[in-house]
Amino acid sequence: MKPEELRKLDSYFKRTFNPQMQVRARPRKDDSAEVYIGDEFLGVLFRDDEDGDLSFNFSMAILDIDLDEH
């Protein structure tokens, strides 16, 4: 992803979900980025510009062990 896209997405995630979220470039990948809170990896953000419409898709896996209430 382009640096400007990363900045805009980082700002969006901070504003919309959590100020501690970070959108980071992925090594050797230019069509996606990674989303973190601190050092904890949350998921992957994909850039989709098919058919001339630009959108971004966030994919986050949730393990069943994470669903257990503490």
PDB file of N, CA and C in Angstrom:
ATOM      1  N   MET A   1       0.837  -1.181   0.000  1.00  0.00           N
ATOM      2  CA  MET A   1       0.000   0.000   0.000  1.00  0.00           C
ATOM      3  C   MET A   1       0.882   1.244   0.000  1.00  0.00           C
ATOM      4  N   LYS A   2       0.319   2.279  -0.496  1.00  0.00           N
ATOM      5  CA  LYS A   2       1.040   3.543  -0.552  1.00  0.00           C
ATOM      6  C   LYS A   2       1.112   4.159   0.847  1.00  0.00           C
ATOM      7  N   PRO A   3       2.200   4.890   1.141  1.00  0.00           N
ATOM      8  CA  PRO A   3       2.337   5.514   2.467  1.00  0.00           C
ATOM      9  C   PRO A   3       1.144   6.392   2.848  1.00  0.00           C
ATOM     10  N   GLU A   4       0.588   7.115   1.899  1.00  0.00           N
ATOM     11  CA  GLU A   4      -0.573   7.970   2.183  1.00  0.00           C
ATOM     12  C   GLU A   4      -1.791   7.131   2.581  1.00  0.00           C
ATOM     13  N   GLU A   5      -1.986   5.991   1.908  1.00  0.00           N
ATOM     14  CA  GLU A   5      -3.089   5.090   2.270  1.00  0.00           C
ATOM     15  C   GLU A   5      -2.895   4.553   3.682  1.00  0.00           C
ATOM     16  N   LEU A   6      -1.663   4.159   4.003  1.00  0.00           N
ATOM     17  CA  LEU A   6      -1.375   3.648   5.345  1.00  0.00           C
ATOM     18  C   LEU A   6      -1.692   4.698   6.407  1.00  0.00           C
ATOM     19  N   ARG A   7      -1.318   5.944   6.161  1.00  0.00           N
ATOM     20  CA  ARG A   7      -1.596   7.026   7.122  1.00  0.00           C
ATOM     21  C   ARG A   7      -3.095   7.242   7.300  1.00  0.00           C
ATOM     22  N   LYS A   8      -3.828   7.254   6.192  1.00  0.00           N
ATOM     23  CA  LYS A   8      -5.279   7.454   6.270  1.00  0.00           C
ATOM     24  C   LYS A   8      -5.957   6.295   6.999  1.00  0.00           C
ATOM     25  N   LEU A   9      -5.551   5.081   6.689  1.00  0.00           N
ATOM     26  CA  LEU A   9      -6.140   3.909   7.348  1.00  0.00           C
ATOM     27  C   LEU A   9      -5.781   3.871   8.830  1.00  0.00           C
ATOM     28  N   ASP A  10      -4.541   4.221   9.162  1.00  0.00           N
ATOM     29  CA  ASP A  10      -4.116   4.257  10.552  1.00  0.00           C
ATOM     30  C   ASP A  10      -4.980   5.266  11.327  1.00  0.00           C
ATOM     31  N   SER A  11      -5.191   6.419  10.755  1.00  0.00           N
ATOM     32  CA  SER A  11      -6.021   7.445  11.383  1.00  0.00           C
ATOM     33  C   SER A  11      -7.463   6.956  11.541  1.00  0.00           C
ATOM     34  N   TYR A  12      -7.991   6.305  10.521  1.00  0.00           N
ATOM     35  CA  TYR A  12      -9.357   5.779  10.574  1.00  0.00           C
ATOM     36  C   TYR A  12      -9.517   4.754  11.694  1.00  0.00           C
ATOM     37  N   PHE A  13      -8.595   3.795  11.785  1.00  0.00           N
ATOM     38  CA  PHE A  13      -8.678   2.757  12.823  1.00  0.00           C
ATOM     39  C   PHE A  13      -8.559   3.365  14.218  1.00  0.00           C
ATOM     40  N   LYS A  14      -7.653   4.321  14.389  1.00  0.00           N
ATOM     41  CA  LYS A  14      -7.495   4.992  15.689  1.00  0.00           C
ATOM     42  C   LYS A  14      -8.770   5.733  16.088  1.00  0.00           C
ATOM     43  N   ARG A  15      -9.324   6.463  15.149  1.00  0.00           N
ATOM     44  CA  ARG A  15     -10.506   7.292  15.397  1.00  0.00           C
ATOM     45  C   ARG A  15     -11.754   6.428  15.604  1.00  0.00           C
ATOM     46  N   THR A  16     -11.893   5.362  14.843  1.00  0.00           N
ATOM     47  CA  THR A  16     -13.111   4.563  14.843  1.00  0.00           C
ATOM     48  C   THR A  16     -13.129   3.476  15.915  1.00  0.00           C
ATOM     49  N   PHE A  17     -11.986   2.837  16.156  1.00  0.00           N
ATOM     50  CA  PHE A  17     -11.973   1.676  17.045  1.00  0.00           C
ATOM     51  C   PHE A  17     -11.189   1.876  18.337  1.00  0.00           C
ATOM     52  N   ASN A  18      -9.917   2.246  18.210  1.00  0.00           N
ATOM     53  CA  ASN A  18      -9.072   2.333  19.401  1.00  0.00           C
ATOM     54  C   ASN A  18      -7.851   3.198  19.071  1.00  0.00           C
ATOM     55  N   PRO A  19      -7.581   4.221  19.885  1.00  0.00           N
ATOM     56  CA  PRO A  19      -6.433   5.101  19.599  1.00  0.00           C
ATOM     57  C   PRO A  19      -5.088   4.389  19.610  1.00  0.00           C
ATOM     58  N   GLN A  20      -5.022   3.191  20.157  1.00  0.00           N
ATOM     59  CA  GLN A  20      -3.753   2.458  20.215  1.00  0.00           C
ATOM     60  C   GLN A  20      -3.535   1.553  19.005  1.00  0.00           C
ATOM     61  N   MET A  21      -4.509   1.473  18.115  1.00  0.00           N
ATOM     62  CA  MET A  21      -4.352   0.625  16.928  1.00  0.00           C
ATOM     63  C   MET A  21      -3.321   1.241  15.990  1.00  0.00           C
ATOM     64  N   GLN A  22      -2.603   0.367  15.301  1.00  0.00           N
ATOM     65  CA  GLN A  22      -1.595   0.800  14.334  1.00  0.00           C
ATOM     66  C   GLN A  22      -1.745  -0.001  13.051  1.00  0.00           C
ATOM     67  N   VAL A  23      -1.680   0.687  11.935  1.00  0.00           N
ATOM     68  CA  VAL A  23      -1.643   0.036  10.625  1.00  0.00           C
ATOM     69  C   VAL A  23      -0.203   0.107  10.157  1.00  0.00           C
ATOM     70  N   ARG A  24       0.380  -1.057   9.882  1.00  0.00           N
ATOM     71  CA  ARG A  24       1.794  -1.141   9.501  1.00  0.00           C
ATOM     72  C   ARG A  24       1.945  -1.813   8.136  1.00  0.00           C
ATOM     73  N   ALA A  25       2.892  -1.331   7.366  1.00  0.00           N
ATOM     74  CA  ALA A  25       3.203  -1.952   6.076  1.00  0.00           C
ATOM     75  C   ALA A  25       3.695  -3.380   6.306  1.00  0.00           C
ATOM     76  N   ARG A  26       3.419  -4.245   5.344  1.00  0.00           N
ATOM     77  CA  ARG A  26       3.910  -5.630   5.399  1.00  0.00           C
ATOM     78  C   ARG A  26       5.173  -5.737   4.558  1.00  0.00           C
ATOM     79  N   PRO A  27       6.161  -6.443   5.072  1.00  0.00           N
ATOM     80  CA  PRO A  27       7.379  -6.637   4.271  1.00  0.00           C
ATOM     81  C   PRO A  27       7.078  -7.432   2.996  1.00  0.00           C
ATOM     82  N   ARG A  28       7.585  -6.960   1.898  1.00  0.00           N
ATOM     83  CA  ARG A  28       7.480  -7.640   0.605  1.00  0.00           C
ATOM     84  C   ARG A  28       6.047  -7.789   0.087  1.00  0.00           C
ATOM     85  N   LYS A  29       5.103  -7.051   0.646  1.00  0.00           N
ATOM     86  CA  LYS A  29       3.717  -7.072   0.154  1.00  0.00           C
ATOM     87  C   LYS A  29       3.283  -5.639  -0.078  1.00  0.00           C
ATOM     88  N   ASP A  30       2.686  -5.362  -1.223  1.00  0.00           N
ATOM     89  CA  ASP A  30       2.232  -4.001  -1.473  1.00  0.00           C
ATOM     90  C   ASP A  30       0.718  -3.896  -1.634  1.00  0.00           C
ATOM     91  N   ASP A  31       0.008  -5.017  -1.441  1.00  0.00           N
ATOM     92  CA  ASP A  31      -1.447  -5.003  -1.576  1.00  0.00           C
ATOM     93  C   ASP A  31      -2.160  -5.140  -0.234  1.00  0.00           C
ATOM     94  N   SER A  32      -1.395  -5.118   0.869  1.00  0.00           N
ATOM     95  CA  SER A  32      -1.995  -5.328   2.182  1.00  0.00           C
ATOM     96  C   SER A  32      -1.125  -4.704   3.270  1.00  0.00           C
ATOM     97  N   ALA A  33      -1.710  -4.623   4.467  1.00  0.00           N
ATOM     98  CA  ALA A  33      -1.013  -4.097   5.638  1.00  0.00           C
ATOM     99  C   ALA A  33      -1.442  -4.931   6.841  1.00  0.00           C
ATOM    100  N   GLU A  34      -0.752  -4.744   7.957  1.00  0.00           N
ATOM    101  CA  GLU A  34      -1.089  -5.463   9.183  1.00  0.00           C
ATOM    102  C   GLU A  34      -1.633  -4.478  10.213  1.00  0.00           C
ATOM    103  N   VAL A  35      -2.542  -4.950  11.051  1.00  0.00           N
ATOM    104  CA  VAL A  35      -3.136  -4.112  12.085  1.00  0.00           C
ATOM    105  C   VAL A  35      -2.743  -4.676  13.451  1.00  0.00           C
ATOM    106  N   TYR A  36      -2.298  -3.794  14.328  1.00  0.00           N
ATOM    107  CA  TYR A  36      -1.822  -4.167  15.664  1.00  0.00           C
ATOM    108  C   TYR A  36      -2.439  -3.257  16.722  1.00  0.00           C
ATOM    109  N   ILE A  37      -2.480  -3.766  17.945  1.00  0.00           N
ATOM    110  CA  ILE A  37      -2.610  -2.934  19.147  1.00  0.00           C
ATOM    111  C   ILE A  37      -1.358  -3.246  19.944  1.00  0.00           C
ATOM    112  N   GLY A  38      -0.485  -2.248  20.069  1.00  0.00           N
ATOM    113  CA  GLY A  38       0.813  -2.486  20.690  1.00  0.00           C
ATOM    114  C   GLY A  38       1.569  -3.509  19.872  1.00  0.00           C
ATOM    115  N   ASP A  39       2.032  -4.570  20.522  1.00  0.00           N
ATOM    116  CA  ASP A  39       2.738  -5.648  19.828  1.00  0.00           C
ATOM    117  C   ASP A  39       1.818  -6.801  19.435  1.00  0.00           C
ATOM    118  N   GLU A  40       0.524  -6.688  19.761  1.00  0.00           N
ATOM    119  CA  GLU A  40      -0.412  -7.772  19.469  1.00  0.00           C
ATOM    120  C   GLU A  40      -0.981  -7.629  18.063  1.00  0.00           C
ATOM    121  N   PHE A  41      -0.724  -8.635  17.242  1.00  0.00           N
ATOM    122  CA  PHE A  41      -1.224  -8.680  15.875  1.00  0.00           C
ATOM    123  C   PHE A  41      -2.728  -8.950  15.907  1.00  0.00           C
ATOM    124  N   LEU A  42      -3.503  -8.120  15.186  1.00  0.00           N
ATOM    125  CA  LEU A  42      -4.952  -8.299  15.135  1.00  0.00           C
ATOM    126  C   LEU A  42      -5.430  -8.909  13.826  1.00  0.00           C
ATOM    127  N   GLY A  43      -4.849  -8.479  12.717  1.00  0.00           N
ATOM    128  CA  GLY A  43      -5.321  -8.985  11.440  1.00  0.00           C
ATOM    129  C   GLY A  43      -4.647  -8.308  10.271  1.00  0.00           C
ATOM    130  N   VAL A  44      -5.179  -8.619   9.081  1.00  0.00           N
ATOM    131  CA  VAL A  44      -4.601  -8.109   7.842  1.00  0.00           C
ATOM    132  C   VAL A  44      -5.631  -7.230   7.142  1.00  0.00           C
ATOM    133  N   LEU A  45      -5.147  -6.150   6.593  1.00  0.00           N
ATOM    134  CA  LEU A  45      -5.963  -5.201   5.862  1.00  0.00           C
ATOM    135  C   LEU A  45      -5.575  -5.304   4.393  1.00  0.00           C
ATOM    136  N   PHE A  46      -6.541  -5.648   3.536  1.00  0.00           N
ATOM    137  CA  PHE A  46      -6.273  -5.851   2.116  1.00  0.00           C
ATOM    138  C   PHE A  46      -6.800  -4.685   1.289  1.00  0.00           C
ATOM    139  N   ARG A  47      -6.032  -4.302   0.292  1.00  0.00           N
ATOM    140  CA  ARG A  47      -6.432  -3.265  -0.661  1.00  0.00           C
ATOM    141  C   ARG A  47      -7.092  -3.945  -1.847  1.00  0.00           C
ATOM    142  N   ASP A  48      -8.274  -3.488  -2.237  1.00  0.00           N
ATOM    143  CA  ASP A  48      -9.013  -4.071  -3.351  1.00  0.00           C
ATOM    144  C   ASP A  48      -9.414  -2.958  -4.312  1.00  0.00           C
ATOM    145  N   ASP A  49      -8.805  -2.956  -5.482  1.00  0.00           N
ATOM    146  CA  ASP A  49      -9.151  -1.929  -6.463  1.00  0.00           C
ATOM    147  C   ASP A  49      -9.654  -2.540  -7.765  1.00  0.00           C
ATOM    148  N   GLU A  50     -10.297  -3.681  -7.661  1.00  0.00           N
ATOM    149  CA  GLU A  50     -10.882  -4.306  -8.842  1.00  0.00           C
ATOM    150  C   GLU A  50     -12.078  -3.503  -9.324  1.00  0.00           C
ATOM    151  N   ASP A  51     -12.334  -3.560 -10.594  1.00  0.00           N
ATOM    152  CA  ASP A  51     -13.475  -2.884 -11.218  1.00  0.00           C
ATOM    153  C   ASP A  51     -13.448  -1.375 -11.029  1.00  0.00           C
ATOM    154  N   GLY A  52     -12.280  -0.803 -10.724  1.00  0.00           N
ATOM    155  CA  GLY A  52     -12.162   0.639 -10.596  1.00  0.00           C
ATOM    156  C   GLY A  52     -12.671   1.223  -9.292  1.00  0.00           C
ATOM    157  N   ASP A  53     -13.196   0.395  -8.408  1.00  0.00           N
ATOM    158  CA  ASP A  53     -13.671   0.867  -7.104  1.00  0.00           C
ATOM    159  C   ASP A  53     -12.663   0.467  -6.042  1.00  0.00           C
ATOM    160  N   LEU A  54     -12.101   1.454  -5.348  1.00  0.00           N
ATOM    161  CA  LEU A  54     -11.118   1.178  -4.307  1.00  0.00           C
ATOM    162  C   LEU A  54     -11.814   0.949  -2.979  1.00  0.00           C
ATOM    163  N   SER A  55     -11.465  -0.161  -2.324  1.00  0.00           N
ATOM    164  CA  SER A  55     -11.969  -0.445  -0.983  1.00  0.00           C
ATOM    165  C   SER A  55     -10.884  -1.177  -0.209  1.00  0.00           C
ATOM    166  N   PHE A  56     -11.089  -1.276   1.091  1.00  0.00           N
ATOM    167  CA  PHE A  56     -10.149  -1.964   1.964  1.00  0.00           C
ATOM    168  C   PHE A  56     -10.929  -2.957   2.804  1.00  0.00           C
ATOM    169  N   ASN A  57     -10.396  -4.170   2.934  1.00  0.00           N
ATOM    170  CA  ASN A  57     -11.064  -5.224   3.681  1.00  0.00           C
ATOM    171  C   ASN A  57     -10.176  -5.670   4.836  1.00  0.00           C
ATOM    172  N   PHE A  58     -10.740  -5.664   6.040  1.00  0.00           N
ATOM    173  CA  PHE A  58     -10.015  -6.065   7.241  1.00  0.00           C
ATOM    174  C   PHE A  58     -10.409  -7.486   7.594  1.00  0.00           C
ATOM    175  N   SER A  59      -9.415  -8.364   7.747  1.00  0.00           N
ATOM    176  CA  SER A  59      -9.647  -9.761   8.088  1.00  0.00           C
ATOM    177  C   SER A  59      -8.979 -10.075   9.416  1.00  0.00           C
ATOM    178  N   MET A  60      -9.781 -10.552  10.375  1.00  0.00           N
ATOM    179  CA  MET A  60      -9.268 -10.843  11.712  1.00  0.00           C
ATOM    180  C   MET A  60      -9.780 -12.209  12.149  1.00  0.00           C
ATOM    181  N   ALA A  61      -8.871 -13.105  12.473  1.00  0.00           N
ATOM    182  CA  ALA A  61      -9.252 -14.417  12.985  1.00  0.00           C
ATOM    183  C   ALA A  61      -9.471 -14.323  14.495  1.00  0.00           C
ATOM    184  N   ILE A  62     -10.524 -14.968  14.979  1.00  0.00           N
ATOM    185  CA  ILE A  62     -10.812 -15.000  16.412  1.00  0.00           C
ATOM    186  C   ILE A  62     -10.795 -16.466  16.839  1.00  0.00           C
ATOM    187  N   LEU A  63      -9.842 -16.796  17.703  1.00  0.00           N
ATOM    188  CA  LEU A  63      -9.724 -18.175  18.177  1.00  0.00           C
ATOM    189  C   LEU A  63     -10.757 -18.457  19.247  1.00  0.00           C
ATOM    190  N   ASP A  64     -11.234 -19.692  19.302  1.00  0.00           N
ATOM    191  CA  ASP A  64     -12.249 -20.034  20.307  1.00  0.00           C
ATOM    192  C   ASP A  64     -11.730 -19.837  21.727  1.00  0.00           C
ATOM    193  N   ILE A  65     -10.432 -20.010  21.920  1.00  0.00           N
ATOM    194  CA  ILE A  65      -9.854 -19.807  23.262  1.00  0.00           C
ATOM    195  C   ILE A  65      -9.960 -18.343  23.698  1.00  0.00           C
ATOM    196  N   ASP A  66      -9.964 -17.436  22.719  1.00  0.00           N
ATOM    197  CA  ASP A  66     -10.096 -16.005  23.014  1.00  0.00           C
ATOM    198  C   ASP A  66     -11.521 -15.630  23.441  1.00  0.00           C
ATOM    199  N   LEU A  67     -12.479 -16.502  23.162  1.00  0.00           N
ATOM    200  CA  LEU A  67     -13.875 -16.226  23.499  1.00  0.00           C
ATOM    201  C   LEU A  67     -14.211 -16.571  24.950  1.00  0.00           C
ATOM    202  N   ASP A  68     -13.345 -17.333  25.605  1.00  0.00           N
ATOM    203  CA  ASP A  68     -13.583 -17.695  27.001  1.00  0.00           C
ATOM    204  C   ASP A  68     -13.547 -16.450  27.870  1.00  0.00           C
ATOM    205  N   GLU A  69     -14.560 -16.313  28.697  1.00  0.00           N
ATOM    206  CA  GLU A  69     -14.581 -15.182  29.632  1.00  0.00           C
ATOM    207  C   GLU A  69     -13.643 -15.483  30.787  1.00  0.00           C
ATOM    208  N   HIS A  70     -12.974 -14.475  31.243  1.00  0.00           N
ATOM    209  CA  HIS A  70     -12.025 -14.646  32.349  1.00  0.00           C
ATOM    210  C   HIS A  70     -12.650 -14.289  33.648  1.00  0.00           C
TER     211      HIS A  70
END
